[in-house]
């Protein structure tokens, strides 16, 4: 079960274990995804298609067209496998190479995924561009990493590999590889210290009017 903590000022944080991700068919029925979360701009759970941002892991076992998501921005990160070729209807061709290439593209663009050599698992960030803005970083975790969520911002931390834990004052359980933590600031700034070793994907989301600078909120930010 996801374990959560709520602090003064309306800040909330919780951990979603990998074994609780919901496995479901793609919208076009041509593949599978494990949904991590779907939330609105205020980091509240959303039902159906009424979400502002969504995290999932696509399981791609065969060449297939991707589902269309008009009005949605997407960023795809190769988690495992020997690579994925993305062939867009407008003629663009882009290949995600191991270990962890990534690509951002508009959800309404027609695209066909072609496996390079066997199944891939791919981290999928989607957000409704008129309501929120999102940024994603892939970073090594070596020692402590301090994350600052400004009022109204939400961070998601996906542990790709290794082990990690937050400082005791968060009240959150340790993270195992594949787990995801969510840090949602309310009316006050939220500070969290993550320690451990491995690799993480860091996602920052904010309502369009509240978006901060491109690197605000993360310290240190390893090269």
Protein backbone atom coordinates (compact mmCIF):
# COMPACT_ATOMS: atom_id res chain seq x y z
CA UNK A 1 0.00 0.00 0.00
CA UNK A 2 1.23 3.53 -0.79
CA UNK A 3 2.51 5.16 2.39
CA UNK A 4 1.92 8.90 2.78
CA UNK A 5 2.70 11.81 5.06
CA UNK A 6 0.99 15.20 5.40
CA UNK A 7 2.70 18.23 6.92
CA UNK A 8 1.67 21.70 8.05
CA UNK A 9 0.94 24.08 5.20
CA UNK A 10 -0.81 21.40 3.13
CA UNK A 11 2.35 19.69 1.85
CA UNK A 12 1.93 15.98 1.16
CA UNK A 13 4.37 13.23 0.27
CA UNK A 14 3.93 9.55 -0.42
CA UNK A 15 5.65 6.49 -1.86
CA UNK A 16 4.10 4.20 -4.48
CA UNK A 17 5.71 0.73 -4.47
CA UNK A 18 6.38 -0.75 -7.89
CA UNK A 19 4.16 -3.75 -7.14
CA UNK A 20 1.16 -1.41 -6.84
CA UNK A 21 1.40 0.06 -10.33
CA UNK A 22 -1.78 -0.68 -12.28
CA UNK A 23 -1.26 -2.69 -15.48
CA UNK A 24 -3.64 -1.78 -18.29
CA UNK A 25 -3.97 -1.84 -22.06
CA UNK A 26 -2.86 1.07 -24.21
CA UNK A 27 -5.63 3.32 -25.44
CA UNK A 28 -5.26 1.76 -28.93
CA UNK A 29 -5.08 -1.80 -27.47
CA UNK A 30 -1.68 -2.47 -29.11
CA UNK A 31 0.42 -2.70 -25.96
CA UNK A 32 0.52 -2.62 -22.17
CA UNK A 33 1.43 0.01 -19.62
CA UNK A 34 1.92 0.01 -15.86
CA UNK A 35 0.41 3.22 -14.56
CA UNK A 36 2.26 4.83 -11.66
CA UNK A 37 -0.08 7.77 -11.07
CA UNK A 38 -2.53 10.19 -12.66
CA UNK A 39 -2.98 13.53 -10.88
CA UNK A 40 -4.40 17.00 -11.40
CA UNK A 41 -2.32 20.19 -11.19
CA UNK A 42 -2.74 20.26 -7.40
CA UNK A 43 -1.44 16.66 -7.07
CA UNK A 44 -4.88 15.26 -6.28
CA UNK A 45 -5.86 11.86 -7.70
CA UNK A 46 -7.71 12.13 -11.01
CA UNK A 47 -10.27 9.75 -12.47
CA UNK A 48 -10.53 8.60 -16.06
CA UNK A 49 -9.11 11.06 -18.58
CA UNK A 50 -9.53 14.06 -16.25
CA UNK A 51 -5.83 14.22 -15.34
CA UNK A 52 -3.28 16.99 -15.80
CA UNK A 53 -0.21 14.76 -15.64
CA UNK A 54 0.48 11.06 -15.65
CA UNK A 55 3.40 8.69 -15.10
CA UNK A 56 3.57 5.16 -16.43
CA UNK A 57 5.93 2.48 -17.72
CA UNK A 58 5.21 1.19 -21.22
CA UNK A 59 5.87 -2.48 -21.93
CA UNK A 60 6.67 -2.68 -25.65
CA UNK A 61 6.85 -6.26 -26.90
CA UNK A 62 6.19 -5.71 -30.61
CA UNK A 63 6.31 -2.99 -33.23
CA UNK A 64 3.17 -0.89 -32.80
CA UNK A 65 1.65 2.53 -33.33
CA UNK A 66 1.50 4.73 -30.24
CA UNK A 67 -1.85 6.00 -28.97
CA UNK A 68 -2.73 9.60 -29.89
CA UNK A 69 -3.08 12.12 -27.04
CA UNK A 70 -4.17 15.51 -28.44
CA UNK A 71 -3.24 18.45 -26.21
CA UNK A 72 -0.67 16.37 -24.31
CA UNK A 73 3.11 16.70 -24.19
CA UNK A 74 5.09 13.48 -23.72
CA UNK A 75 8.59 12.54 -22.67
CA UNK A 76 9.76 8.95 -23.08
CA UNK A 77 12.82 7.47 -21.35
CA UNK A 78 14.29 4.06 -22.18
CA UNK A 79 14.49 2.12 -18.90
CA UNK A 80 15.58 -1.28 -20.20
CA UNK A 81 16.08 -3.10 -23.48
CA UNK A 82 18.26 -2.75 -26.55
CA UNK A 83 16.61 0.32 -28.00
CA UNK A 84 13.44 1.71 -29.54
CA UNK A 85 13.09 3.38 -32.92
CA UNK A 86 10.38 6.08 -33.14
CA UNK A 87 9.16 6.68 -36.68
CA UNK A 88 6.92 9.76 -36.91
CA UNK A 89 4.27 10.22 -39.61
CA UNK A 90 5.93 13.50 -40.69
CA UNK A 91 9.12 11.63 -41.60
CA UNK A 92 11.21 12.25 -38.48
CA UNK A 93 13.10 9.21 -37.20
CA UNK A 94 14.57 9.06 -33.70
CA UNK A 95 16.16 6.11 -31.90
CA UNK A 96 16.31 5.70 -28.14
CA UNK A 97 19.64 4.04 -27.41
CA UNK A 98 20.58 2.20 -24.22
CA UNK A 99 21.10 2.76 -21.50
CA UNK A 100 18.59 5.61 -21.02
CA UNK A 101 18.01 7.88 -24.01
CA UNK A 102 14.94 10.10 -23.84
CA UNK A 103 12.76 12.12 -26.21
CA UNK A 104 10.05 14.76 -25.78
CA UNK A 105 7.29 15.06 -28.38
CA UNK A 106 3.69 16.21 -28.81
CA UNK A 107 1.06 13.58 -28.05
CA UNK A 108 -0.98 14.34 -31.17
CA UNK A 109 1.89 13.42 -33.50
CA UNK A 110 1.48 10.10 -35.22
CA UNK A 111 4.34 7.78 -34.27
CA UNK A 112 5.16 4.10 -34.73
CA UNK A 113 7.47 2.31 -32.30
CA UNK A 114 9.89 -0.26 -33.72
CA UNK A 115 11.93 -2.54 -31.46
CA UNK A 116 15.66 -2.66 -32.20
CA UNK A 117 16.24 -6.07 -30.62
CA UNK A 118 13.65 -7.37 -28.18
CA UNK A 119 11.27 -5.97 -25.57
CA UNK A 120 11.77 -2.56 -23.99
CA UNK A 121 10.36 -0.90 -20.88
CA UNK A 122 9.98 2.86 -21.19
CA UNK A 123 9.19 5.53 -18.60
CA UNK A 124 6.39 7.73 -19.91
CA UNK A 125 5.68 11.26 -18.61
CA UNK A 126 2.60 12.98 -20.02
CA UNK A 127 1.18 16.39 -19.15
CA UNK A 128 -1.64 18.63 -20.38
CA UNK A 129 0.25 21.57 -21.87
CA UNK A 130 -2.48 24.18 -21.30
CA UNK A 131 -2.66 23.46 -17.56
CA UNK A 132 0.77 22.40 -16.35
CA UNK A 133 4.42 22.42 -17.34
CA UNK A 134 6.79 19.58 -16.57
CA UNK A 135 10.51 18.89 -16.68
CA UNK A 136 12.38 15.61 -16.35
CA UNK A 137 15.99 14.86 -15.41
CA UNK A 138 17.95 11.59 -15.27
CA UNK A 139 20.56 11.81 -12.51
CA UNK A 140 22.95 9.55 -10.60
CA UNK A 141 22.28 9.31 -6.88
CA UNK A 142 25.57 9.50 -5.01
CA UNK A 143 25.18 10.63 -1.42
CA UNK A 144 22.56 13.20 -0.39
CA UNK A 145 20.39 15.09 -2.87
CA UNK A 146 18.26 17.99 -1.63
CA UNK A 147 14.96 18.66 -3.38
CA UNK A 148 13.05 21.91 -2.89
CA UNK A 149 9.41 22.05 -3.98
CA UNK A 150 8.18 25.63 -4.17
CA UNK A 151 4.55 26.36 -3.18
CA UNK A 152 2.24 24.69 -5.69
CA UNK A 153 4.96 22.49 -7.19
CA UNK A 154 5.06 18.70 -7.18
CA UNK A 155 8.12 16.48 -7.62
CA UNK A 156 8.13 12.78 -8.49
CA UNK A 157 11.23 10.68 -7.82
CA UNK A 158 11.44 7.35 -9.66
CA UNK A 159 14.26 5.10 -8.46
CA UNK A 160 15.56 3.38 -11.58
CA UNK A 161 18.21 1.32 -9.81
CA UNK A 162 19.87 1.02 -6.42
CA UNK A 163 18.47 1.98 -3.04
CA UNK A 164 17.38 5.25 -1.45
CA UNK A 165 15.69 6.74 1.56
CA UNK A 166 14.46 10.15 2.59
CA UNK A 167 15.53 11.86 5.80
CA UNK A 168 13.54 10.75 8.82
CA UNK A 169 11.57 14.01 9.05
CA UNK A 170 9.58 13.10 5.92
CA UNK A 171 8.08 9.99 7.51
CA UNK A 172 8.45 8.12 4.22
CA UNK A 173 9.57 4.49 3.86
CA UNK A 174 12.76 3.53 1.98
CA UNK A 175 12.63 3.25 -1.80
CA UNK A 176 13.43 0.02 -3.61
CA UNK A 177 14.38 -0.05 -7.29
CA UNK A 178 11.27 0.70 -9.35
CA UNK A 179 9.41 2.61 -6.61
CA UNK A 180 8.23 6.21 -7.00
CA UNK A 181 7.95 8.97 -4.40
CA UNK A 182 5.77 12.07 -4.77
CA UNK A 183 6.52 15.36 -2.97
CA UNK A 184 3.69 17.88 -3.27
CA UNK A 185 4.16 21.33 -1.75
CA UNK A 186 1.05 23.09 -0.52
CA UNK A 187 1.16 26.74 0.50
CA UNK A 188 4.68 26.50 1.88
CA UNK A 189 8.03 25.42 0.48
CA UNK A 190 8.79 21.72 0.95
CA UNK A 191 12.34 20.47 1.49
CA UNK A 192 13.33 16.80 1.27
CA UNK A 193 16.73 15.12 1.50
CA UNK A 194 17.19 11.90 -0.51
CA UNK A 195 20.15 9.64 0.28
CA UNK A 196 21.41 6.43 -1.26
CA UNK A 197 23.10 5.08 -4.34
CA UNK A 198 21.82 4.38 -7.82
CA UNK A 199 19.98 6.29 -10.53
CA UNK A 200 16.82 8.38 -10.41
CA UNK A 201 14.39 10.09 -12.73
CA UNK A 202 13.25 13.42 -11.31
CA UNK A 203 10.04 15.05 -12.54
CA UNK A 204 8.91 18.54 -11.58
CA UNK A 205 5.35 19.68 -12.32
CA UNK A 206 3.64 23.02 -11.69
CA UNK A 207 0.59 24.88 -12.93
CA UNK A 208 1.54 27.03 -15.92
CA UNK A 209 1.39 30.31 -13.95
CA UNK A 210 3.59 28.88 -11.17
CA UNK A 211 6.41 27.35 -13.23
CA UNK A 212 9.86 28.29 -11.93
CA UNK A 213 13.21 28.47 -13.75
CA UNK A 214 14.57 25.43 -15.57
CA UNK A 215 16.80 24.15 -12.76
CA UNK A 216 15.13 25.63 -9.68
CA UNK A 217 14.46 23.26 -6.81
CA UNK A 218 17.25 20.69 -7.00
CA UNK A 219 20.55 20.83 -5.13
CA UNK A 220 23.03 19.44 -5.85
CA UNK A 221 22.43 18.83 -9.55
CA UNK A 222 25.15 16.40 -10.68
CA UNK A 223 26.49 16.68 -14.20
